[in-house]
Amino acid sequence: MENTDFQAQLQTYTDSKQRKIKPIIFVGHSLGGSVATLATLWALEKRLRQNSPFCITFGSPLVGDVRLVDTVVRENWGGNFCHVVSKHDIVPRMLLAPFESIAEPLIAVFPYWQVVMANDSKNVPDSFIQDACRTLLNIVLQYTYTVANYGFDSLRELDGVIKRSPYRPFGTYMFCSSEGAACTDNSETILKMLHLTAQSHENASDKTVQDCFSEHIGYGSVLKYVREKSIIGSRIANPDSVSSYEMGISLQLEAIDFGDQSI
């Protein structure tokens, strides 16, 4: 972003001569969420913290590997990011699988999504796009089930057993469903919840594929519903869980109607 129009405009906005310091908020949806994340990281790295750069993404793919996560933690930048993830949206979960395994269907699907979102269209995708989305979803499902079979407690030890995606989450994640929302800022917990919620699909049926499309482009309605239906009442953790870590994940999953997922 060096020597770009973006840098010039941001510098003008953050000019110290301004009488009032204004916050900087980057917002993005889908791939735009990745761009917003990178822009926020750039602003933080340039020490523009006096302007409180903050990032909000909707349905964004994962950005960065474990080294970036470690940097965000070390610099105490995690509180500058909020990532909203819908119940059936495949995009925030697709990079749980190695990129090379999803590249082909992804290349087919994303141009369609961009056209639909640009024109606010609700047209049903043709068979080619549906097949590509089904393939993408099946690959992610197969990978998350494989990881689950080895056990989440050994996630860091799987590198020598199966090929793992290098991408890791950071910041605060807000998982949304028709039951409400649950938030967490622990990277390992987020990673586990992304895997567990992906497994809510037994297979890539036509309805599941359609849900993946509609929820990825429908975050406006998702947030409206969450605002109208705040989380109330008690949440019961898995009684078989022996650790506070597992009980915490159980409570988060219960809050978004995934309480039957095994931990």
Protein backbone atom coordinates (compact mmCIF):
# COMPACT_ATOMS: atom_id res chain seq x y z
CA MET A 1 0.00 0.00 0.00
CA GLU A 2 3.06 2.23 -0.11
CA ASN A 3 2.99 5.20 -2.51
CA THR A 4 -0.63 4.62 -3.45
CA ASP A 5 -3.72 6.81 -3.60
CA PHE A 6 -5.02 4.87 -0.59
CA GLN A 7 -1.98 5.90 1.44
CA ALA A 8 -2.32 9.54 0.37
CA GLN A 9 -6.01 9.69 1.29
CA LEU A 10 -5.43 7.99 4.62
CA GLN A 11 -2.58 10.37 5.42
CA THR A 12 -4.85 13.32 4.72
CA TYR A 13 -7.52 11.83 6.95
CA THR A 14 -5.09 11.27 9.80
CA ASP A 15 -3.30 14.61 9.48
CA SER A 16 -2.36 15.76 12.97
CA LYS A 17 -3.42 19.31 12.09
CA GLN A 18 -7.05 18.27 12.20
CA ARG A 19 -8.70 19.65 15.28
CA LYS A 20 -10.43 16.40 16.11
CA ILE A 21 -8.97 12.92 15.85
CA LYS A 22 -11.37 10.67 14.01
CA PRO A 23 -11.52 6.88 14.26
CA ILE A 24 -10.77 4.79 11.18
CA ILE A 25 -13.15 1.90 10.52
CA PHE A 26 -12.47 -0.57 7.70
CA VAL A 27 -15.48 -2.69 6.67
CA GLY A 28 -15.55 -5.46 4.10
CA HIS A 29 -17.65 -8.40 2.94
CA SER A 30 -16.34 -11.63 1.42
CA LEU A 31 -12.98 -10.94 -0.29
CA GLY A 32 -13.52 -7.30 0.64
CA GLY A 33 -13.22 -8.46 4.26
CA SER A 34 -9.74 -9.74 3.52
CA VAL A 35 -8.83 -6.38 1.99
CA ALA A 36 -10.25 -4.56 5.03
CA THR A 37 -8.20 -6.83 7.31
CA LEU A 38 -4.98 -6.15 5.41
CA ALA A 39 -5.69 -2.41 5.36
CA THR A 40 -6.21 -2.43 9.13
CA LEU A 41 -2.98 -4.36 9.68
CA TRP A 42 -1.18 -1.80 7.51
CA ALA A 43 -2.63 1.09 9.52
CA LEU A 44 -1.66 -0.58 12.79
CA GLU A 45 1.85 -1.33 11.54
CA LYS A 46 2.20 2.35 10.56
CA ARG A 47 1.37 3.24 14.16
CA LEU A 48 -1.85 5.08 13.37
CA ARG A 49 -3.30 3.83 16.63
CA GLN A 50 -4.16 7.33 17.80
CA ASN A 51 -6.96 7.11 15.23
CA SER A 52 -8.15 3.77 16.63
CA PRO A 53 -8.22 1.73 13.37
CA PHE A 54 -10.92 -0.92 13.64
CA CYS A 55 -11.94 -3.65 11.21
CA ILE A 56 -15.34 -5.31 10.76
CA THR A 57 -15.70 -8.13 8.26
CA PHE A 58 -18.66 -10.21 7.10
CA GLY A 59 -18.12 -13.67 5.63
CA SER A 60 -14.40 -13.07 5.13
CA PRO A 61 -11.93 -15.85 4.34
CA LEU A 62 -9.14 -16.50 6.82
CA VAL A 63 -6.14 -14.18 6.44
CA GLY A 64 -2.61 -15.07 7.54
CA ASP A 65 -0.79 -17.96 9.17
CA VAL A 66 0.27 -18.72 12.73
CA ARG A 67 3.13 -16.19 12.49
CA LEU A 68 0.66 -13.40 11.77
CA VAL A 69 -1.53 -14.59 14.67
CA ASP A 70 1.51 -14.48 16.96
CA THR A 71 2.30 -10.94 15.75
CA VAL A 72 -1.28 -9.77 16.37
CA VAL A 73 -1.13 -11.22 19.89
CA ARG A 74 2.31 -9.77 20.61
CA GLU A 75 1.31 -6.29 19.41
CA ASN A 76 -2.06 -6.49 21.20
CA TRP A 77 -3.96 -5.84 17.96
CA GLY A 78 -6.64 -8.52 18.41
CA GLY A 79 -9.18 -6.07 19.79
CA ASN A 80 -9.06 -4.11 16.53
CA PHE A 81 -10.78 -6.87 14.54
CA CYS A 82 -14.35 -8.22 14.55
CA HIS A 83 -15.23 -10.97 12.08
CA VAL A 84 -18.91 -11.89 11.62
CA VAL A 85 -19.55 -15.46 10.46
CA SER A 86 -22.97 -16.84 9.51
CA LYS A 87 -24.13 -20.38 10.31
CA HIS A 88 -23.95 -21.92 6.83
CA ASP A 89 -21.53 -19.57 5.06
CA ILE A 90 -18.73 -21.66 3.52
CA VAL A 91 -16.40 -18.75 2.71
CA PRO A 92 -15.04 -18.15 6.26
CA ARG A 93 -14.48 -21.92 6.53
CA MET A 94 -13.17 -22.80 3.07
CA LEU A 95 -9.50 -22.19 3.93
CA LEU A 96 -9.71 -24.77 6.69
CA ALA A 97 -8.76 -27.03 3.79
CA PRO A 98 -5.45 -26.55 1.93
CA PHE A 99 -5.85 -23.93 -0.78
CA GLU A 100 -4.66 -26.16 -3.62
CA SER A 101 -7.51 -28.58 -2.90
CA ILE A 102 -10.22 -25.91 -3.31
CA ALA A 103 -8.63 -23.67 -5.97
CA GLU A 104 -10.53 -25.05 -8.97
CA PRO A 105 -14.12 -24.82 -7.61
CA LEU A 106 -13.28 -21.53 -5.92
CA ILE A 107 -12.17 -19.95 -9.20
CA ALA A 108 -15.54 -20.97 -10.68
CA VAL A 109 -17.68 -19.77 -7.76
CA PHE A 110 -16.24 -16.38 -6.81
CA PRO A 111 -16.92 -14.52 -10.10
CA TYR A 112 -20.58 -15.51 -9.78
CA TRP A 113 -20.73 -14.33 -6.17
CA GLN A 114 -19.17 -11.00 -7.12
CA VAL A 115 -21.76 -10.40 -9.87
CA VAL A 116 -24.64 -11.36 -7.57
CA MET A 117 -23.44 -9.07 -4.77
CA ALA A 118 -22.68 -6.17 -7.11
CA ASN A 119 -26.19 -6.29 -8.58
CA ASP A 120 -28.00 -7.32 -5.38
CA SER A 121 -29.40 -10.24 -7.36
CA LYS A 122 -31.21 -13.23 -5.91
CA ASN A 123 -31.03 -15.35 -9.07
CA VAL A 124 -30.55 -19.08 -8.50
CA PRO A 125 -27.11 -20.17 -9.76
CA ASP A 126 -26.96 -22.41 -12.81
CA SER A 127 -25.98 -26.07 -12.59
CA PHE A 128 -22.28 -25.38 -13.27
CA ILE A 129 -22.02 -22.94 -10.35
CA GLN A 130 -24.05 -25.22 -8.08
CA ASP A 131 -21.76 -28.13 -8.92
CA ALA A 132 -18.68 -26.02 -8.20
CA CYS A 133 -20.12 -24.89 -4.86
CA ARG A 134 -21.05 -28.49 -4.01
CA THR A 135 -17.51 -29.61 -4.80
CA LEU A 136 -16.05 -26.82 -2.68
CA LEU A 137 -18.32 -27.68 0.24
CA ASN A 138 -17.59 -31.42 -0.01
CA ILE A 139 -13.83 -30.82 0.06
CA VAL A 140 -14.10 -28.66 3.17
CA LEU A 141 -16.44 -31.15 4.84
CA GLN A 142 -14.14 -34.07 4.09
CA TYR A 143 -11.18 -32.19 5.52
CA THR A 144 -12.93 -31.06 8.71
CA TYR A 145 -14.21 -34.59 9.36
CA THR A 146 -10.68 -35.93 8.88
CA VAL A 147 -9.34 -33.43 11.41
CA ALA A 148 -12.15 -34.31 13.84
CA ASN A 149 -11.33 -38.03 13.56
CA TYR A 150 -7.78 -37.35 14.70
CA GLY A 151 -9.03 -35.22 17.58
CA PHE A 152 -8.91 -31.48 18.13
CA ASP A 153 -6.53 -31.79 21.05
CA SER A 154 -3.81 -32.85 18.61
CA LEU A 155 -4.40 -30.17 15.95
CA ARG A 156 -0.83 -28.93 16.27
CA GLU A 157 0.48 -32.47 15.80
CA LEU A 158 -1.34 -33.20 12.53
CA ASP A 159 1.19 -31.55 10.23
CA GLY A 160 3.05 -34.81 9.79
CA VAL A 161 -0.13 -36.87 9.34
CA ILE A 162 -2.30 -34.86 6.93
CA LYS A 163 -1.66 -31.73 4.92
CA ARG A 164 -3.01 -28.80 6.95
CA SER A 165 -4.04 -25.37 5.84
CA PRO A 166 -1.60 -22.71 7.09
CA TYR A 167 -4.40 -20.16 7.65
CA ARG A 168 -5.39 -19.26 11.20
CA PRO A 169 -8.00 -16.88 12.69
CA PHE A 170 -7.28 -13.83 14.83
CA GLY A 171 -9.33 -11.06 16.41
CA THR A 172 -12.86 -11.49 17.74
CA TYR A 173 -15.22 -13.82 15.88
CA MET A 174 -18.98 -13.41 16.10
CA PHE A 175 -20.75 -16.64 15.10
CA CYS A 176 -24.36 -15.94 14.06
CA SER A 177 -27.39 -18.14 13.59
CA SER A 178 -31.15 -17.84 13.87
CA GLU A 179 -30.73 -18.59 17.58
CA GLY A 180 -28.50 -15.58 18.25
CA ALA A 181 -24.75 -15.02 18.34
CA ALA A 182 -21.66 -16.11 20.24
CA CYS A 183 -18.32 -14.30 20.42
CA THR A 184 -14.80 -15.43 21.21
CA ASP A 185 -11.31 -14.02 20.67
CA ASN A 186 -9.20 -17.13 21.36
CA SER A 187 -7.59 -18.31 18.11
CA GLU A 188 -7.62 -22.02 19.01
CA THR A 189 -11.25 -21.84 20.15
CA ILE A 190 -12.25 -20.04 16.95
CA LEU A 191 -10.46 -22.63 14.83
CA LYS A 192 -12.22 -25.43 16.65
CA MET A 193 -15.62 -23.75 16.31
CA LEU A 194 -15.08 -23.20 12.59
CA HIS A 195 -14.43 -26.92 12.22
CA LEU A 196 -17.37 -27.98 14.39
CA THR A 197 -19.90 -25.66 12.77
CA ALA A 198 -18.79 -26.79 9.30
CA GLN A 199 -19.69 -30.33 10.33
CA SER A 200 -23.33 -29.36 10.83
CA HIS A 201 -23.67 -30.36 7.15
CA GLU A 202 -23.91 -34.12 6.73
CA ASN A 203 -23.49 -33.72 2.98
CA ALA A 204 -23.60 -31.08 0.28
CA SER A 205 -27.30 -31.39 -0.56
CA ASP A 206 -29.05 -28.93 -2.89
CA LYS A 207 -30.50 -27.11 0.13
CA THR A 208 -27.11 -26.90 1.82
CA VAL A 209 -25.55 -25.50 -1.34
CA GLN A 210 -28.32 -22.91 -1.58
CA ASP A 211 -27.84 -22.00 2.09
CA CYS A 212 -24.15 -21.42 1.43
CA PHE A 213 -25.03 -18.98 -1.33
CA SER A 214 -27.89 -17.17 0.37
CA GLU A 215 -26.12 -16.72 3.72
CA HIS A 216 -22.90 -15.50 2.16
CA ILE A 217 -24.69 -12.69 0.35
CA GLY A 218 -27.32 -12.11 3.05
CA TYR A 219 -25.46 -10.77 6.07
CA GLY A 220 -27.78 -7.78 6.32
CA SER A 221 -30.72 -9.99 7.26
CA VAL A 222 -28.55 -12.11 9.56
CA LEU A 223 -27.46 -9.12 11.63
CA LYS A 224 -30.96 -7.70 11.70
CA TYR A 225 -32.26 -10.96 13.16
CA VAL A 226 -29.48 -11.16 15.74
CA ARG A 227 -30.20 -7.60 16.89
CA GLU A 228 -33.90 -8.37 17.24
CA LYS A 229 -33.32 -11.65 19.06
CA SER A 230 -30.72 -11.15 21.74
CA ILE A 231 -29.39 -14.18 23.55
CA ILE A 232 -31.41 -14.79 26.69
CA GLY A 233 -31.81 -17.67 29.12
CA SER A 234 -29.27 -20.14 30.42
CA ARG A 235 -26.94 -22.22 28.29
CA ILE A 236 -25.99 -25.69 29.48
CA ALA A 237 -22.49 -26.93 28.72
CA ASN A 238 -21.67 -30.53 27.85
CA PRO A 239 -21.95 -32.37 31.21
CA ASP A 240 -19.28 -34.85 30.09
CA SER A 241 -16.69 -32.11 29.56
CA VAL A 242 -13.96 -32.18 32.17
CA SER A 243 -12.14 -28.99 31.20
CA SER A 244 -13.24 -25.35 31.36
CA TYR A 245 -11.94 -24.99 27.79
CA GLU A 246 -14.34 -27.64 26.46
CA MET A 247 -17.21 -26.29 28.55
CA GLY A 248 -16.58 -22.81 27.16
CA ILE A 249 -16.79 -24.09 23.58
CA SER A 250 -19.95 -26.03 24.47
CA LEU A 251 -21.56 -22.85 25.76
CA GLN A 252 -20.58 -20.95 22.61
CA LEU A 253 -21.95 -23.68 20.36
CA GLU A 254 -25.12 -23.92 22.42
CA ALA A 255 -25.66 -20.19 21.98
CA ILE A 256 -25.84 -20.56 18.20
CA ASP A 257 -27.84 -23.80 18.20
CA PHE A 258 -24.94 -26.22 17.70
CA GLY A 259 -25.23 -27.79 21.11
CA ASP A 260 -25.34 -31.34 19.76
CA GLN A 261 -21.84 -31.13 18.28
CA SER A 262 -19.34 -33.37 20.03
CA ILE A 263 -16.33 -31.66 21.56
